Amino acid sequence: MMNEEPVMEESPNATQSGAGRNASANCASNGSERRFAAVERDVAVIGSNYATKEDIVKLEARVQDRLSRIESGMSAIENRLVRWYFGTSVALVALVFSIGRLM
């Protein structure tokens, strides 16, 4: 038996001229370029959604500002509550002494 090489049939693309091969190569590269452009776009979107150190510093300043306003508001409320408590306590003590004197 002799070593026979397999007979390969010519595909329709095999008979194309050089221009036809370049066109199919261009289609393949266009597909790759489109996929690469889609990946670049996705990476840009992902990158735009990340916070930078500057963004975090700005956010921290805004949070600190709001916290200080909340603390000053709470301080004002606390002062009002203490005044009401003190005023109510004095009034109750006076009421108890006056009722005690009447008895």
Protein backbone atom coordinates (compact mmCIF):
# COMPACT_ATOMS: atom_id res chain seq x y z
CA MET A 1 0.00 0.00 0.00
CA MET A 2 1.18 3.32 -0.88
CA ASN A 3 0.74 6.38 1.24
CA GLU A 4 -1.97 8.22 -0.49
CA GLU A 5 -2.51 11.81 0.30
CA PRO A 6 -6.11 12.67 0.88
CA VAL A 7 -7.71 14.38 -2.00
CA MET A 8 -8.93 17.77 -1.00
CA GLU A 9 -11.78 19.23 -2.86
CA GLU A 10 -11.54 22.85 -3.68
CA SER A 11 -13.98 24.97 -1.78
CA PRO A 12 -15.73 27.77 -3.61
CA ASN A 13 -13.68 30.28 -1.59
CA ALA A 14 -10.45 28.63 -2.66
CA THR A 15 -11.00 29.68 -6.23
CA GLN A 16 -11.65 33.31 -5.36
CA SER A 17 -9.26 35.93 -6.52
CA GLY A 18 -7.07 37.84 -4.09
CA ALA A 19 -9.64 40.66 -3.94
CA GLY A 20 -12.33 38.23 -2.79
CA ARG A 21 -10.11 36.93 -0.03
CA ASN A 22 -9.35 40.45 1.13
CA ALA A 23 -13.06 41.25 1.24
CA SER A 24 -13.78 38.25 3.45
CA ALA A 25 -10.82 39.17 5.65
CA ASN A 26 -12.18 42.72 5.89
CA CYS A 27 -15.56 41.37 6.97
CA ALA A 28 -13.89 39.34 9.68
CA SER A 29 -11.84 42.31 10.84
CA ASN A 30 -14.94 44.54 10.75
CA GLY A 31 -16.70 42.06 13.00
CA SER A 32 -13.71 42.03 15.32
CA GLU A 33 -13.55 45.81 15.27
CA ARG A 34 -17.25 46.06 16.12
CA ARG A 35 -16.84 43.65 19.00
CA PHE A 36 -13.74 45.52 20.18
CA ALA A 37 -15.62 48.84 19.96
CA ALA A 38 -18.48 47.31 22.00
CA VAL A 39 -16.00 46.16 24.65
CA GLU A 40 -14.38 49.61 24.72
CA ARG A 41 -17.80 51.21 25.15
CA ASP A 42 -18.68 48.81 27.98
CA VAL A 43 -15.38 49.51 29.74
CA ALA A 44 -15.97 53.27 29.38
CA VAL A 45 -19.43 52.92 30.93
CA ILE A 46 -18.04 50.84 33.78
CA GLY A 47 -15.24 53.34 34.32
CA SER A 48 -17.64 56.28 34.36
CA ASN A 49 -19.67 54.63 37.12
CA TYR A 50 -16.72 54.37 39.52
CA ALA A 51 -16.19 57.02 42.17
CA THR A 52 -12.87 58.80 42.24
CA LYS A 53 -11.07 59.95 45.38
CA GLU A 54 -12.22 63.49 44.59
CA ASP A 55 -15.85 62.31 44.44
CA ILE A 56 -15.47 60.61 47.82
CA VAL A 57 -13.91 63.73 49.36
CA LYS A 58 -16.81 65.87 48.04
CA LEU A 59 -19.34 63.38 49.39
CA GLU A 60 -17.62 63.30 52.77
CA ALA A 61 -17.74 67.12 52.94
CA ARG A 62 -21.47 67.12 52.09
CA VAL A 63 -22.18 64.44 54.71
CA GLN A 64 -20.15 66.32 57.31
CA ASP A 65 -22.07 69.54 56.54
CA ARG A 66 -25.43 67.82 56.90
CA LEU A 67 -24.36 66.12 60.13
CA SER A 68 -23.30 69.43 61.63
CA ARG A 69 -26.68 70.96 60.68
CA ILE A 70 -28.49 67.99 62.23
CA GLU A 71 -26.41 68.27 65.40
CA SER A 72 -27.16 71.99 65.73
CA GLY A 73 -30.87 71.27 65.20
CA MET A 74 -30.78 68.56 67.83
CA SER A 75 -29.01 70.92 70.21
CA ALA A 76 -31.79 73.49 69.75
CA ILE A 77 -34.44 70.84 70.36
CA GLU A 78 -32.59 69.62 73.45
CA ASN A 79 -32.51 73.17 74.85
CA ARG A 80 -36.26 73.57 74.30
CA LEU A 81 -36.95 70.24 75.99
CA VAL A 82 -34.81 71.15 79.00
CA ARG A 83 -36.61 74.49 79.35
CA TRP A 84 -40.02 72.79 79.13
CA TYR A 85 -38.94 70.15 81.66
CA PHE A 86 -37.61 72.75 84.05
CA GLY A 87 -40.70 74.97 83.65
CA THR A 88 -43.06 72.03 84.13
CA SER A 89 -41.11 70.84 87.20
CA VAL A 90 -41.24 74.29 88.81
CA ALA A 91 -44.97 74.55 88.09
CA LEU A 92 -45.65 71.10 89.58
CA VAL A 93 -43.61 71.87 92.71
CA ALA A 94 -45.50 75.15 93.15
CA LEU A 95 -48.81 73.33 92.66
CA VAL A 96 -47.90 70.66 95.24
CA PHE A 97 -46.84 73.31 97.82
CA SER A 98 -50.00 75.35 97.27
CA ILE A 99 -52.20 72.24 97.64
CA GLY A 100 -50.21 71.33 100.77
CA ARG A 101 -50.82 74.79 102.30
CA LEU A 102 -54.54 74.55 101.62
CA MET A 103 -54.91 71.27 103.42
